[in-house]
Amino acid sequence: MSGQSVAFDEETTLPVFVSPSELLFYTDDHTTHRQVLTIYNPYGYTLRYKVLCTEPRKYHVLESEGVIKSRCRTDIVVRHKEPSVGGSREKFQIQLYEHGSWTIRGHKFIISETVEGKPPSVPGGSDVQPLQQVHSRTSPDRPPSLLSGAQDGDHGGQQHRMDPLVLCIAAVCGIALLLPTWQVDTSTLPPYLHLTLHQKLVVAYVLGLVTMVILHF
């Protein structure tokens, strides 16, 4: 796709598909101090992106600008440098450009908020940990690696196994984003396999939600 040139009208505004739509950093949970932004390109041409922030000194962004090939995505790691004080609220802006040009073709704002304390606990999560601790005390002579494997296979398998329905939804959404865009892409596929931009927007939103579930699993 490198070197491909696509003609844009000066008034063209591209929808920007980003997941998640908000970043939450909790002061007392270091695992939330590193977040991932995923930018999708469901279009039939290569795009360039750039990530801007209202408070750049507070964040470290890996690959804040780059290229996204047609029907691909890229993951951007955002690390908070000063998560010790809650109550702050900043904005990230995702800008999309025509490949080979600096003319902005689309943009979207992502809210970043630092929250005091820890994330809300998952209902029922407190009942799982004590069972694992009791099991560990009853098997003091077994190596830790073998003990964890026995727990996953004999007792905790269902708790640690990814729901097949989630994976199936993610796969379907991924395939849908790869289908041609109606009145944009040329393809030999039947017309009923062409999706409109609005349909791809909905699919990308659903895929973003499913991706969040997979990442937090």
N, C-alpha and C. Protein backbone atom coordinates (compact mmCIF):
# COMPACT_ATOMS: atom_id res chain seq x y z
N MET A 1 0.83 -1.21 0.00
CA MET A 1 0.00 0.00 0.00
C MET A 1 0.86 1.25 0.00
N SER A 2 2.17 1.09 0.23
CA SER A 2 3.07 2.23 0.27
C SER A 2 3.11 2.92 -1.08
N GLY A 3 3.04 4.27 -1.05
CA GLY A 3 3.11 5.04 -2.27
C GLY A 3 1.76 5.27 -2.91
N GLN A 4 0.69 4.65 -2.38
CA GLN A 4 -0.63 4.84 -2.96
C GLN A 4 -1.14 6.24 -2.67
N SER A 5 -1.70 6.89 -3.64
CA SER A 5 -2.24 8.24 -3.48
C SER A 5 -3.74 8.19 -3.63
N VAL A 6 -4.44 8.81 -2.69
CA VAL A 6 -5.89 8.84 -2.72
C VAL A 6 -6.34 10.30 -2.75
N ALA A 7 -7.20 10.63 -3.68
CA ALA A 7 -7.66 12.01 -3.80
C ALA A 7 -8.77 12.28 -2.79
N PHE A 8 -8.62 13.34 -2.00
CA PHE A 8 -9.62 13.76 -1.03
C PHE A 8 -10.21 15.09 -1.46
N ASP A 9 -11.47 15.26 -1.19
CA ASP A 9 -12.08 16.56 -1.34
C ASP A 9 -11.71 17.42 -0.13
N GLU A 10 -11.59 18.71 -0.31
CA GLU A 10 -11.16 19.60 0.76
C GLU A 10 -12.12 19.58 1.94
N GLU A 11 -13.39 19.23 1.72
CA GLU A 11 -14.37 19.22 2.79
C GLU A 11 -14.52 17.85 3.44
N THR A 12 -13.75 16.87 2.99
CA THR A 12 -13.89 15.52 3.51
C THR A 12 -13.49 15.46 4.98
N THR A 13 -14.35 14.88 5.80
CA THR A 13 -14.05 14.65 7.21
C THR A 13 -14.22 13.16 7.50
N LEU A 14 -13.15 12.52 7.91
CA LEU A 14 -13.19 11.09 8.17
C LEU A 14 -13.54 10.82 9.62
N PRO A 15 -14.46 9.90 9.89
CA PRO A 15 -14.70 9.46 11.27
C PRO A 15 -13.44 8.78 11.81
N VAL A 16 -13.11 9.06 13.05
CA VAL A 16 -11.92 8.49 13.68
C VAL A 16 -12.37 7.40 14.65
N PHE A 17 -11.86 6.18 14.45
CA PHE A 17 -12.24 5.05 15.29
C PHE A 17 -11.13 4.79 16.30
N VAL A 18 -11.42 5.07 17.57
CA VAL A 18 -10.44 4.91 18.65
C VAL A 18 -11.10 4.19 19.81
N SER A 19 -10.34 3.32 20.45
CA SER A 19 -10.81 2.63 21.65
C SER A 19 -9.69 2.59 22.68
N PRO A 20 -10.02 2.87 23.97
CA PRO A 20 -11.31 3.30 24.51
C PRO A 20 -11.54 4.78 24.27
N SER A 21 -12.73 5.25 24.64
CA SER A 21 -13.06 6.67 24.46
C SER A 21 -12.66 7.51 25.65
N GLU A 22 -12.18 6.86 26.72
CA GLU A 22 -11.76 7.58 27.92
C GLU A 22 -10.67 6.80 28.62
N LEU A 23 -9.68 7.51 29.18
CA LEU A 23 -8.59 6.88 29.92
C LEU A 23 -8.73 7.25 31.39
N LEU A 24 -8.75 6.23 32.26
CA LEU A 24 -8.86 6.44 33.70
C LEU A 24 -7.60 5.94 34.38
N PHE A 25 -6.91 6.84 35.08
CA PHE A 25 -5.72 6.49 35.83
C PHE A 25 -6.03 6.62 37.32
N TYR A 26 -5.88 5.53 38.07
CA TYR A 26 -6.15 5.53 39.51
C TYR A 26 -4.84 5.69 40.29
N THR A 27 -4.84 6.62 41.25
CA THR A 27 -3.61 6.96 41.96
C THR A 27 -3.03 5.79 42.74
N ASP A 28 -3.89 4.91 43.29
CA ASP A 28 -3.43 3.83 44.15
C ASP A 28 -3.33 2.48 43.44
N ASP A 29 -3.46 2.47 42.14
CA ASP A 29 -3.36 1.22 41.38
C ASP A 29 -2.36 1.43 40.24
N HIS A 30 -1.13 0.95 40.44
CA HIS A 30 -0.08 1.19 39.45
C HIS A 30 -0.36 0.50 38.12
N THR A 31 -1.22 -0.54 38.13
CA THR A 31 -1.52 -1.24 36.87
C THR A 31 -2.31 -0.35 35.91
N THR A 32 -2.96 0.70 36.44
CA THR A 32 -3.73 1.59 35.57
C THR A 32 -2.91 2.77 35.08
N HIS A 33 -1.67 2.88 35.52
CA HIS A 33 -0.83 4.02 35.11
C HIS A 33 -0.30 3.85 33.70
N ARG A 34 -0.57 2.70 33.09
CA ARG A 34 -0.17 2.43 31.71
C ARG A 34 -1.41 1.98 30.95
N GLN A 35 -1.82 2.76 29.96
CA GLN A 35 -3.03 2.48 29.20
C GLN A 35 -2.68 2.31 27.73
N VAL A 36 -3.60 1.68 27.00
CA VAL A 36 -3.39 1.44 25.57
C VAL A 36 -4.53 2.05 24.77
N LEU A 37 -4.18 2.89 23.81
CA LEU A 37 -5.14 3.45 22.86
C LEU A 37 -5.00 2.70 21.54
N THR A 38 -6.12 2.26 21.00
CA THR A 38 -6.12 1.54 19.72
C THR A 38 -6.80 2.40 18.66
N ILE A 39 -6.08 2.67 17.58
CA ILE A 39 -6.64 3.44 16.46
C ILE A 39 -6.87 2.50 15.29
N TYR A 40 -8.06 2.53 14.73
CA TYR A 40 -8.43 1.63 13.62
C TYR A 40 -8.47 2.42 12.31
N ASN A 41 -8.10 1.74 11.24
CA ASN A 41 -8.21 2.30 9.90
C ASN A 41 -9.04 1.33 9.05
N PRO A 42 -10.36 1.51 9.00
CA PRO A 42 -11.21 0.61 8.21
C PRO A 42 -11.29 0.99 6.74
N TYR A 43 -10.54 2.01 6.34
CA TYR A 43 -10.65 2.53 4.98
C TYR A 43 -9.74 1.77 4.01
N GLY A 44 -9.95 2.01 2.76
CA GLY A 44 -9.20 1.30 1.72
C GLY A 44 -7.93 2.00 1.31
N TYR A 45 -7.35 2.81 2.17
CA TYR A 45 -6.12 3.52 1.86
C TYR A 45 -5.35 3.78 3.17
N THR A 46 -4.08 4.07 3.01
CA THR A 46 -3.21 4.29 4.16
C THR A 46 -3.43 5.69 4.75
N LEU A 47 -3.40 5.78 6.08
CA LEU A 47 -3.56 7.06 6.76
C LEU A 47 -2.37 7.28 7.71
N ARG A 48 -2.09 8.53 7.99
CA ARG A 48 -1.10 8.89 9.00
C ARG A 48 -1.84 9.42 10.22
N TYR A 49 -1.29 9.21 11.39
CA TYR A 49 -1.93 9.68 12.62
C TYR A 49 -0.92 10.45 13.46
N LYS A 50 -1.46 11.26 14.36
CA LYS A 50 -0.64 12.00 15.32
C LYS A 50 -1.44 12.17 16.60
N VAL A 51 -0.77 11.99 17.74
CA VAL A 51 -1.42 12.10 19.05
C VAL A 51 -0.91 13.35 19.75
N LEU A 52 -1.84 14.24 20.13
CA LEU A 52 -1.51 15.46 20.85
C LEU A 52 -2.15 15.42 22.23
N CYS A 53 -1.65 16.24 23.15
CA CYS A 53 -2.17 16.25 24.52
C CYS A 53 -2.13 17.67 25.07
N THR A 54 -3.12 18.01 25.92
CA THR A 54 -3.15 19.33 26.52
C THR A 54 -2.10 19.49 27.62
N GLU A 55 -1.63 18.36 28.20
CA GLU A 55 -0.59 18.40 29.23
C GLU A 55 0.48 17.36 28.90
N PRO A 56 1.29 17.59 27.88
CA PRO A 56 2.25 16.57 27.44
C PRO A 56 3.31 16.22 28.49
N ARG A 57 3.60 17.13 29.44
CA ARG A 57 4.62 16.84 30.44
C ARG A 57 4.19 15.75 31.42
N LYS A 58 2.89 15.50 31.50
CA LYS A 58 2.38 14.50 32.44
C LYS A 58 2.38 13.08 31.86
N TYR A 59 2.55 12.96 30.55
CA TYR A 59 2.38 11.66 29.91
C TYR A 59 3.58 11.33 29.03
N HIS A 60 3.80 10.04 28.91
CA HIS A 60 4.80 9.53 27.96
C HIS A 60 4.06 8.65 26.96
N VAL A 61 4.08 9.04 25.70
CA VAL A 61 3.33 8.34 24.65
C VAL A 61 4.33 7.69 23.70
N LEU A 62 4.24 6.36 23.58
CA LEU A 62 5.08 5.64 22.64
C LEU A 62 4.45 5.70 21.24
N GLU A 63 5.27 6.05 20.26
CA GLU A 63 4.81 6.15 18.87
C GLU A 63 3.63 7.12 18.77
N SER A 64 3.88 8.36 19.12
CA SER A 64 2.82 9.37 19.10
C SER A 64 2.40 9.76 17.68
N GLU A 65 3.16 9.35 16.69
CA GLU A 65 2.74 9.55 15.31
C GLU A 65 3.29 8.42 14.44
N GLY A 66 2.57 8.13 13.37
CA GLY A 66 2.98 7.03 12.51
C GLY A 66 1.99 6.80 11.39
N VAL A 67 2.05 5.61 10.81
CA VAL A 67 1.23 5.24 9.65
C VAL A 67 0.39 4.03 9.99
N ILE A 68 -0.87 4.04 9.55
CA ILE A 68 -1.77 2.89 9.70
C ILE A 68 -2.17 2.44 8.31
N LYS A 69 -1.82 1.23 7.96
CA LYS A 69 -2.17 0.70 6.64
C LYS A 69 -3.66 0.44 6.54
N SER A 70 -4.12 0.27 5.32
CA SER A 70 -5.54 0.03 5.06
C SER A 70 -6.04 -1.19 5.82
N ARG A 71 -7.20 -1.02 6.48
CA ARG A 71 -7.88 -2.08 7.23
C ARG A 71 -6.96 -2.70 8.30
N CYS A 72 -6.18 -1.87 8.92
CA CYS A 72 -5.30 -2.30 10.02
C CYS A 72 -5.55 -1.42 11.23
N ARG A 73 -4.87 -1.73 12.30
CA ARG A 73 -4.98 -0.94 13.52
C ARG A 73 -3.59 -0.81 14.14
N THR A 74 -3.45 0.15 15.05
CA THR A 74 -2.19 0.30 15.78
C THR A 74 -2.50 0.59 17.25
N ASP A 75 -1.68 0.04 18.13
CA ASP A 75 -1.83 0.23 19.57
C ASP A 75 -0.80 1.24 20.05
N ILE A 76 -1.26 2.23 20.80
CA ILE A 76 -0.40 3.30 21.31
C ILE A 76 -0.40 3.23 22.84
N VAL A 77 0.78 3.09 23.43
CA VAL A 77 0.91 2.99 24.88
C VAL A 77 1.02 4.39 25.47
N VAL A 78 0.15 4.67 26.45
CA VAL A 78 0.15 5.96 27.15
C VAL A 78 0.48 5.70 28.62
N ARG A 79 1.57 6.28 29.10
CA ARG A 79 1.98 6.10 30.50
C ARG A 79 1.90 7.43 31.23
N HIS A 80 1.22 7.41 32.39
CA HIS A 80 1.08 8.62 33.21
C HIS A 80 2.33 8.80 34.06
N LYS A 81 2.94 9.98 34.00
CA LYS A 81 4.16 10.24 34.77
C LYS A 81 3.87 10.74 36.18
N GLU A 82 2.71 11.37 36.38
CA GLU A 82 2.40 11.98 37.67
C GLU A 82 1.01 11.55 38.15
N PRO A 83 0.83 10.26 38.47
CA PRO A 83 -0.50 9.78 38.87
C PRO A 83 -0.76 9.88 40.37
N SER A 84 0.06 10.62 41.11
CA SER A 84 -0.08 10.66 42.57
C SER A 84 -1.19 11.58 43.04
N VAL A 85 -1.61 12.52 42.21
CA VAL A 85 -2.64 13.48 42.59
C VAL A 85 -3.87 13.28 41.72
N GLY A 86 -5.02 13.01 42.35
CA GLY A 86 -6.25 12.79 41.61
C GLY A 86 -6.98 14.09 41.31
N GLY A 87 -8.02 13.98 40.52
CA GLY A 87 -8.85 15.13 40.21
C GLY A 87 -8.47 15.87 38.95
N SER A 88 -7.34 15.50 38.32
CA SER A 88 -6.95 16.20 37.09
C SER A 88 -7.66 15.60 35.89
N ARG A 89 -7.84 16.43 34.88
CA ARG A 89 -8.58 16.00 33.68
C ARG A 89 -7.95 16.67 32.47
N GLU A 90 -7.43 15.86 31.57
CA GLU A 90 -6.79 16.37 30.36
C GLU A 90 -7.46 15.77 29.12
N LYS A 91 -6.97 16.20 27.96
CA LYS A 91 -7.51 15.70 26.70
C LYS A 91 -6.38 15.26 25.78
N PHE A 92 -6.60 14.14 25.12
CA PHE A 92 -5.75 13.73 24.01
C PHE A 92 -6.53 13.98 22.72
N GLN A 93 -5.82 14.37 21.68
CA GLN A 93 -6.46 14.54 20.38
C GLN A 93 -5.78 13.62 19.37
N ILE A 94 -6.58 12.79 18.72
CA ILE A 94 -6.10 11.92 17.65
C ILE A 94 -6.39 12.59 16.32
N GLN A 95 -5.35 12.85 15.56
CA GLN A 95 -5.51 13.48 14.25
C GLN A 95 -5.14 12.50 13.15
N LEU A 96 -5.95 12.47 12.09
CA LEU A 96 -5.68 11.62 10.93
C LEU A 96 -5.34 12.51 9.73
N TYR A 97 -4.36 12.06 8.96
CA TYR A 97 -3.91 12.81 7.79
C TYR A 97 -3.93 11.89 6.56
N GLU A 98 -4.09 12.51 5.41
CA GLU A 98 -3.89 11.80 4.15
C GLU A 98 -2.42 11.40 4.06
N HIS A 99 -2.16 10.17 3.66
CA HIS A 99 -0.78 9.69 3.58
C HIS A 99 0.01 10.54 2.59
N GLY A 100 1.12 11.12 3.06
CA GLY A 100 1.93 11.99 2.23
C GLY A 100 1.54 13.44 2.31
N SER A 101 0.62 13.79 3.23
CA SER A 101 0.17 15.17 3.36
C SER A 101 -0.01 15.49 4.85
N TRP A 102 0.01 16.78 5.18
CA TRP A 102 -0.24 17.22 6.55
C TRP A 102 -1.60 17.88 6.70
N THR A 103 -2.47 17.64 5.74
CA THR A 103 -3.83 18.16 5.83
C THR A 103 -4.67 17.24 6.72
N ILE A 104 -5.22 17.79 7.80
CA ILE A 104 -6.01 16.98 8.73
C ILE A 104 -7.30 16.54 8.06
N ARG A 105 -7.58 15.23 8.08
CA ARG A 105 -8.80 14.69 7.48
C ARG A 105 -9.80 14.20 8.53
N GLY A 106 -9.40 14.17 9.77
CA GLY A 106 -10.30 13.76 10.84
C GLY A 106 -9.60 13.88 12.17
N HIS A 107 -10.37 14.10 13.23
CA HIS A 107 -9.78 14.18 14.57
C HIS A 107 -10.82 13.77 15.62
N LYS A 108 -10.31 13.37 16.76
CA LYS A 108 -11.20 12.96 17.86
C LYS A 108 -10.50 13.22 19.18
N PHE A 109 -11.28 13.64 20.19
CA PHE A 109 -10.74 13.90 21.52
C PHE A 109 -10.98 12.71 22.44
N ILE A 110 -9.98 12.38 23.24
CA ILE A 110 -10.06 11.32 24.24
C ILE A 110 -9.82 11.96 25.61
N ILE A 111 -10.75 11.76 26.53
CA ILE A 111 -10.63 12.33 27.87
C ILE A 111 -9.70 11.45 28.72
N SER A 112 -8.78 12.09 29.43
CA SER A 112 -7.90 11.40 30.37
C SER A 112 -8.15 11.97 31.76
N GLU A 113 -8.49 11.11 32.70
CA GLU A 113 -8.82 11.56 34.06
C GLU A 113 -8.04 10.77 35.09
N THR A 114 -7.47 11.47 36.07
CA THR A 114 -6.78 10.83 37.18
C THR A 114 -7.72 10.81 38.38
N VAL A 115 -7.96 9.61 38.91
CA VAL A 115 -8.95 9.41 39.97
C VAL A 115 -8.25 8.96 41.25
N GLU A 116 -8.67 9.52 42.37
CA GLU A 116 -8.12 9.12 43.66
C GLU A 116 -8.55 7.69 44.01
N GLY A 117 -7.62 6.93 44.64
CA GLY A 117 -7.96 5.60 45.12
C GLY A 117 -7.71 4.51 44.10
N LYS A 118 -8.51 3.46 44.21
CA LYS A 118 -8.38 2.30 43.35
C LYS A 118 -9.66 2.10 42.53
N PRO A 119 -9.59 1.31 41.46
CA PRO A 119 -10.80 1.03 40.68
C PRO A 119 -11.82 0.27 41.51
N PRO A 120 -13.10 0.45 41.21
CA PRO A 120 -14.14 -0.31 41.93
C PRO A 120 -13.89 -1.81 41.79
N SER A 121 -14.04 -2.53 42.88
CA SER A 121 -13.81 -3.97 42.86
C SER A 121 -14.91 -4.67 42.09
N VAL A 122 -14.55 -5.78 41.45
CA VAL A 122 -15.51 -6.58 40.69
C VAL A 122 -16.34 -7.40 41.67
N PRO A 123 -17.69 -7.38 41.56
CA PRO A 123 -18.52 -8.17 42.46
C PRO A 123 -18.14 -9.64 42.41
N GLY A 124 -17.95 -10.21 43.61
CA GLY A 124 -17.60 -11.63 43.69
C GLY A 124 -16.12 -11.89 43.63
N GLY A 125 -15.31 -10.85 43.29
CA GLY A 125 -13.88 -11.06 43.17
C GLY A 125 -13.23 -11.41 44.49
N SER A 126 -13.78 -10.89 45.62
CA SER A 126 -13.17 -11.16 46.92
C SER A 126 -13.35 -12.61 47.34
N ASP A 127 -14.29 -13.34 46.74
CA ASP A 127 -14.52 -14.73 47.13
C ASP A 127 -13.53 -15.69 46.48
N VAL A 128 -12.83 -15.23 45.43
CA VAL A 128 -11.94 -16.13 44.71
C VAL A 128 -10.58 -16.23 45.38
N GLN A 129 -10.02 -15.09 45.82
CA GLN A 129 -8.68 -15.08 46.36
C GLN A 129 -8.52 -15.94 47.61
N PRO A 130 -9.43 -15.89 48.60
CA PRO A 130 -9.24 -16.74 49.77
C PRO A 130 -9.18 -18.21 49.43
N LEU A 131 -9.95 -18.69 48.43
CA LEU A 131 -9.92 -20.09 48.05
C LEU A 131 -8.54 -20.46 47.53
N GLN A 132 -7.92 -19.58 46.76
CA GLN A 132 -6.59 -19.86 46.24
C GLN A 132 -5.56 -19.90 47.36
N GLN A 133 -5.71 -19.04 48.37
CA GLN A 133 -4.78 -19.03 49.49
C GLN A 133 -4.91 -20.30 50.31
N VAL A 134 -6.14 -20.76 50.55
CA VAL A 134 -6.34 -22.00 51.31
C VAL A 134 -5.73 -23.17 50.57
N HIS A 135 -5.90 -23.22 49.24
CA HIS A 135 -5.35 -24.31 48.45
C HIS A 135 -3.83 -24.33 48.53
N SER A 136 -3.21 -23.13 48.55
CA SER A 136 -1.76 -23.04 48.62
C SER A 136 -1.24 -23.58 49.94
N ARG A 137 -1.94 -23.31 51.03
CA ARG A 137 -1.48 -23.75 52.33
C ARG A 137 -1.62 -25.25 52.51
N THR A 138 -2.54 -25.87 51.77
CA THR A 138 -2.72 -27.31 51.91
C THR A 138 -1.74 -28.09 51.06
N SER A 139 -0.95 -27.41 50.21
CA SER A 139 0.03 -28.10 49.37
C SER A 139 1.38 -27.40 49.47
N PRO A 140 2.02 -27.39 50.66
CA PRO A 140 3.25 -26.62 50.84
C PRO A 140 4.45 -27.21 50.13
N ASP A 141 4.44 -28.51 49.77
CA ASP A 141 5.61 -29.15 49.21
C ASP A 141 5.66 -29.09 47.69
N ARG A 142 4.60 -28.62 47.06
CA ARG A 142 4.56 -28.62 45.61
C ARG A 142 5.19 -27.34 45.07
N PRO A 143 5.96 -27.42 43.97
CA PRO A 143 6.56 -26.22 43.37
C PRO A 143 5.48 -25.24 42.95
N PRO A 144 5.74 -23.92 43.05
CA PRO A 144 4.73 -22.92 42.69
C PRO A 144 4.20 -23.07 41.28
N SER A 145 5.06 -23.41 40.31
CA SER A 145 4.60 -23.52 38.93
C SER A 145 3.61 -24.66 38.77
N LEU A 146 3.90 -25.81 39.44
CA LEU A 146 2.98 -26.93 39.35
C LEU A 146 1.69 -26.65 40.10
N LEU A 147 1.79 -25.94 41.20
CA LEU A 147 0.61 -25.62 41.98
C LEU A 147 -0.34 -24.74 41.20
N SER A 148 0.21 -23.71 40.52
CA SER A 148 -0.66 -22.84 39.74
C SER A 148 -1.31 -23.59 38.60
N GLY A 149 -0.59 -24.53 37.99
CA GLY A 149 -1.18 -25.31 36.90
C GLY A 149 -2.30 -26.20 37.39
N ALA A 150 -2.14 -26.78 38.58
CA ALA A 150 -3.18 -27.64 39.13
C ALA A 150 -4.42 -26.83 39.45
N GLN A 151 -4.23 -25.62 39.96
CA GLN A 151 -5.38 -24.78 40.26
C GLN A 151 -6.15 -24.44 39.00
N ASP A 152 -5.43 -24.12 37.93
CA ASP A 152 -6.12 -23.76 36.69
C ASP A 152 -6.85 -24.95 36.10
N GLY A 153 -6.25 -26.14 36.19
CA GLY A 153 -6.84 -27.29 35.54
C GLY A 153 -7.95 -27.93 36.34
N ASP A 154 -7.80 -27.97 37.72
CA ASP A 154 -8.74 -28.72 38.54
C ASP A 154 -9.81 -27.86 39.16
N HIS A 155 -9.47 -26.61 39.51
CA HIS A 155 -10.42 -25.82 40.28
C HIS A 155 -10.77 -24.50 39.61
N GLY A 156 -9.78 -23.83 39.01
CA GLY A 156 -10.03 -22.47 38.52
C GLY A 156 -10.10 -22.37 37.03
N GLY A 157 -10.23 -23.47 36.33
CA GLY A 157 -10.22 -23.42 34.87
C GLY A 157 -11.29 -22.53 34.30
N GLN A 158 -12.53 -22.66 34.81
CA GLN A 158 -13.63 -21.88 34.28
C GLN A 158 -13.47 -20.41 34.61
N GLN A 159 -12.78 -20.08 35.69
CA GLN A 159 -12.61 -18.69 36.06
C GLN A 159 -11.56 -18.00 35.20
N HIS A 160 -10.59 -18.76 34.66
CA HIS A 160 -9.51 -18.16 33.90
C HIS A 160 -9.65 -18.39 32.40
N ARG A 161 -10.65 -19.12 31.96
CA ARG A 161 -10.82 -19.38 30.54
C ARG A 161 -11.64 -18.28 29.90
N MET A 162 -11.14 -17.76 28.79
CA MET A 162 -11.85 -16.71 28.08
C MET A 162 -13.16 -17.24 27.49
N ASP A 163 -14.22 -16.48 27.66
CA ASP A 163 -15.53 -16.86 27.13
C ASP A 163 -15.45 -16.96 25.61
N PRO A 164 -15.77 -18.11 25.03
CA PRO A 164 -15.71 -18.25 23.56
C PRO A 164 -16.59 -17.24 22.83
N LEU A 165 -17.69 -16.82 23.47
CA LEU A 165 -18.58 -15.85 22.82
C LEU A 165 -17.87 -14.52 22.60
N VAL A 166 -17.03 -14.10 23.58
CA VAL A 166 -16.29 -12.85 23.44
C VAL A 166 -15.32 -12.93 22.27
N LEU A 167 -14.59 -14.05 22.19
CA LEU A 167 -13.65 -14.24 21.09
C LEU A 167 -14.36 -14.29 19.75
N CYS A 168 -15.54 -14.92 19.74
CA CYS A 168 -16.31 -15.03 18.50
C CYS A 168 -16.77 -13.64 18.03
N ILE A 169 -17.25 -12.81 18.98
CA ILE A 169 -17.68 -11.46 18.62
C ILE A 169 -16.51 -10.65 18.10
N ALA A 170 -15.34 -10.77 18.74
CA ALA A 170 -14.16 -10.04 18.29
C ALA A 170 -13.77 -10.47 16.88
N ALA A 171 -13.83 -11.78 16.61
CA ALA A 171 -13.47 -12.27 15.28
C ALA A 171 -14.44 -11.76 14.22
N VAL A 172 -15.74 -11.78 14.54
CA VAL A 172 -16.75 -11.32 13.58
C VAL A 172 -16.56 -9.83 13.28
N CYS A 173 -16.30 -9.04 14.34
CA CYS A 173 -16.10 -7.60 14.14
C CYS A 173 -14.84 -7.34 13.31
N GLY A 174 -13.78 -8.10 13.59
CA GLY A 174 -12.55 -7.93 12.82
C GLY A 174 -12.77 -8.23 11.35
N ILE A 175 -13.50 -9.30 11.07
CA ILE A 175 -13.78 -9.66 9.67
C ILE A 175 -14.65 -8.59 9.00
N ALA A 176 -15.63 -8.06 9.78
CA ALA A 176 -16.52 -7.04 9.22
C ALA A 176 -15.75 -5.78 8.83
N LEU A 177 -14.75 -5.41 9.64
CA LEU A 177 -13.96 -4.22 9.33
C LEU A 177 -13.09 -4.42 8.09
N LEU A 178 -12.79 -5.67 7.77
CA LEU A 178 -11.98 -5.96 6.58
C LEU A 178 -12.80 -5.98 5.30
N LEU A 179 -14.13 -5.99 5.42
CA LEU A 179 -14.97 -6.00 4.23
C LEU A 179 -14.91 -4.64 3.53
N PRO A 180 -15.18 -4.61 2.24
CA PRO A 180 -15.12 -3.34 1.49
C PRO A 180 -16.14 -2.33 2.00
N THR A 181 -15.81 -1.05 1.84
CA THR A 181 -16.70 0.03 2.24
C THR A 181 -17.57 0.42 1.05
N TRP A 182 -18.88 0.54 1.30
CA TRP A 182 -19.85 0.83 0.26
C TRP A 182 -19.55 2.19 -0.40
N GLN A 183 -19.50 2.18 -1.73
CA GLN A 183 -19.27 3.36 -2.55
C GLN A 183 -17.91 4.01 -2.29
N VAL A 184 -16.99 3.29 -1.64
CA VAL A 184 -15.64 3.80 -1.41
C VAL A 184 -14.61 2.86 -2.02
N ASP A 185 -14.72 1.55 -1.71
CA ASP A 185 -13.77 0.57 -2.20
C ASP A 185 -14.34 -0.17 -3.42
N THR A 186 -13.45 -0.56 -4.28
CA THR A 186 -13.82 -1.42 -5.40
C THR A 186 -13.45 -2.85 -5.06
N SER A 187 -14.41 -3.77 -5.25
CA SER A 187 -14.16 -5.15 -4.86
C SER A 187 -15.03 -6.07 -5.71
N THR A 188 -14.58 -7.30 -5.84
CA THR A 188 -15.34 -8.31 -6.58
C THR A 188 -16.34 -9.03 -5.69
N LEU A 189 -16.38 -8.69 -4.41
CA LEU A 189 -17.32 -9.32 -3.50
C LEU A 189 -18.75 -8.86 -3.82
N PRO A 190 -19.74 -9.68 -3.50
CA PRO A 190 -21.14 -9.30 -3.74
C PRO A 190 -21.51 -8.02 -2.99
N PRO A 191 -22.49 -7.26 -3.48
CA PRO A 191 -22.87 -5.99 -2.83
C PRO A 191 -23.28 -6.16 -1.38
N TYR A 192 -23.92 -7.29 -1.03
CA TYR A 192 -24.37 -7.44 0.35
C TYR A 192 -23.21 -7.61 1.33
N LEU A 193 -22.00 -7.79 0.83
CA LEU A 193 -20.83 -7.88 1.71
C LEU A 193 -20.10 -6.54 1.81
N HIS A 194 -20.67 -5.47 1.23
CA HIS A 194 -20.12 -4.13 1.37
C HIS A 194 -20.83 -3.43 2.52
N LEU A 195 -20.08 -2.87 3.44
CA LEU A 195 -20.64 -2.17 4.59
C LEU A 195 -20.49 -0.66 4.41
N THR A 196 -21.46 0.08 4.92
CA THR A 196 -21.38 1.54 4.89
C THR A 196 -20.45 2.02 6.00
N LEU A 197 -20.04 3.29 5.91
CA LEU A 197 -19.18 3.87 6.94
C LEU A 197 -19.87 3.86 8.30
N HIS A 198 -21.18 4.10 8.31
CA HIS A 198 -21.92 4.08 9.57
C HIS A 198 -21.90 2.69 10.19
N GLN A 199 -22.09 1.67 9.36
CA GLN A 199 -22.06 0.30 9.88
C GLN A 199 -20.67 -0.05 10.42
N LYS A 200 -19.63 0.38 9.73
CA LYS A 200 -18.28 0.09 10.21
C LYS A 200 -17.98 0.86 11.49
N LEU A 201 -18.58 2.04 11.64
CA LEU A 201 -18.41 2.79 12.88
C LEU A 201 -18.99 2.03 14.06
N VAL A 202 -20.19 1.46 13.85
CA VAL A 202 -20.82 0.67 14.91
C VAL A 202 -19.99 -0.58 15.22
N VAL A 203 -19.51 -1.25 14.17
CA VAL A 203 -18.70 -2.46 14.37
C VAL A 203 -17.42 -2.14 15.11
N ALA A 204 -16.77 -1.02 14.75
CA ALA A 204 -15.53 -0.63 15.42
C ALA A 204 -15.77 -0.30 16.88
N TYR A 205 -16.92 0.31 17.16
CA TYR A 205 -17.25 0.61 18.57
C TYR A 205 -17.43 -0.67 19.37
N VAL A 206 -18.16 -1.64 18.78
CA VAL A 206 -18.36 -2.92 19.46
C VAL A 206 -17.03 -3.64 19.65
N LEU A 207 -16.18 -3.61 18.62
CA LEU A 207 -14.87 -4.25 18.73
C LEU A 207 -14.02 -3.59 19.82
N GLY A 208 -14.15 -2.27 19.96
CA GLY A 208 -13.43 -1.59 21.03
C GLY A 208 -13.86 -2.06 22.40
N LEU A 209 -15.19 -2.21 22.59
CA LEU A 209 -15.70 -2.70 23.87
C LEU A 209 -15.21 -4.12 24.15
N VAL A 210 -15.25 -4.97 23.12
CA VAL A 210 -14.78 -6.36 23.30
C VAL A 210 -13.30 -6.37 23.59
N THR A 211 -12.53 -5.50 22.92
CA THR A 211 -11.08 -5.44 23.19
C THR A 211 -10.80 -5.06 24.62
N MET A 212 -11.58 -4.13 25.18
CA MET A 212 -11.41 -3.74 26.58
C MET A 212 -11.66 -4.92 27.51
N VAL A 213 -12.70 -5.72 27.17
CA VAL A 213 -12.99 -6.90 27.99
C VAL A 213 -11.83 -7.89 27.94
N ILE A 214 -11.26 -8.09 26.75
CA ILE A 214 -10.16 -9.04 26.60
C ILE A 214 -8.92 -8.54 27.35
N LEU A 215 -8.62 -7.23 27.23
CA LEU A 215 -7.43 -6.67 27.88
C LEU A 215 -7.54 -6.70 29.40
N HIS A 216 -8.76 -6.58 29.92
CA HIS A 216 -8.94 -6.56 31.37
C HIS A 216 -9.20 -7.96 31.93
N PHE A 217 -9.18 -8.99 31.06
CA PHE A 217 -9.46 -10.34 31.53
C PHE A 217 -8.30 -10.85 32.39
